[in-house]
Amino acid sequence: AGPRRAAAAVGPVGALPLAPRRAAIALPVGALLGAHRPAPQRQRRGYAGWRDAEAPAQEHFRISGRPHPLRAKSEASSGAASCLGSDEPPIVNLMQHHIWSEREIHERLRTLYQHRPHSFGDKIAHAVMYTMSKGLNRLTGFSPQNTPVQAAELRLIALQSFAGAPGFVAATFRHFRSLRTLQRDHGWIHTLLEQAENERMHLLVCMRTLDASYLTRLLVVCAQALTTPWLAAVYAMHPRSVHRFVGYLEETACLTLANIIQQVETPGTPLHEAWSAVPAPALGKAYWRLHDEAMWVDCLKCMFADAANHRDVNHTFAMMKSGDPNPFIEAHAHDAVHAWRLQSENRTTDVGCRMTLRARPAAGHSPLAYGGRCSVTISGHITPSCFFGAAAP
């Protein structure tokens, strides 16, 4: 046994084991290349064979520089982020909502519709909303033609502050009912909270550009104190009526915003002189992923598109039972993915190309002064034009 061991130790390279043979070949090559570092130490790891101790372990997941869609987006690369407060970008990043394109906004401006009430509850909700709209017009001095700037400011602030209440009230009732009955909500709470948060962001964006007087603030407080208990009482007894009422409310918001947009883009009107050259606030750019050169009217267009989406969603909820699954869950997922892609690729939406609406004479007292008026009857089924108002491109 002794001579065999000695011969194996001093014999030719082909007689050496696998690992010493590799070391014997590597040393001369390293010496010829001028490498003076010692050969890497080797260790045996199970059945993986011989492996360098300095080599990293095998990676089972690909390392990517892109953030995950479920994480909060970073707006450090956006020009709008530099104008926000220190605590605003992380909060805005958590708000996953639909990022509108110019094509989507243009389609909604051209396909406005108003639901025709059929049931007794629909007629009551429509009458209440019609009365409130007329009273608010008289109180604020809002008119469809040559609207005073102060009247438009008061109308926007009052409308957005009131529109943010029904979604939160409905989500609260459904949340407590789910806890009380130990049953699922089937996704309604998420959509309702998203609507309430979206309307609140509309109000905050407006406050970055508009001024609220003491009379405006008093009007907002009174409207909230009077309408919130009434909405809660009705929703507790008949949720469909509240959703129908919110649908009519958002129809009014669409007509108001579309009329304001038309006046801002029409030379010679008071709103054109006051708002046509006003840039979009940084909060609006960050929230809707607008271009750095976006204007205030582009924020109004995004508000209009959001209102059209809320109109479609609530008219849909008004036809459904409380235990039916939410049909807009897939749209929320698409919105989150689309927003993540824009952020990861450092891109913005294409809203801001100065689309000019073609003015047409309004019919009667309707604030609609553009495009065309389309009344859609929804009874028993959902029309394709109004169902997926928030579908991602």
Foldseek 3Di string as FASTA:
>chain_A
DVVVVVCLVPPDLVSDDDVVSVQVVVVVVCVVVVNPDHDFDWDDDPPPGIDGPPDDDDDPDDDDPADDLQDFFDCPVPPLVVVDDPPPRSVLSNQQAFQDFPVLLVLCLQDAADADDDDPLLVVLLVVLVVVVVVLCVVLVAALALGAPSSLLLVQLLLLLLLLQLLVLLLVVLVVVCVVVVHDQQPSNVVSNSRNVVSVLSNVQSVVPDDADPVSVVSSVVSCVPVNVVSNVCCVPQVLSSLSSSLSSLSVVLLSLSSLLQQCLDPPGNNVVVFVPAAGRSSLCSNSVNHPRAGNSLSSSVVSLSSLLSNLQSNVVSPDDSRDHRPCPVLSVLSSVVVSVCSSVVHGHNRHPSDHFDFAPDDDRRSHGGNDYHHDYDDPDHDPVRHPSRHHD
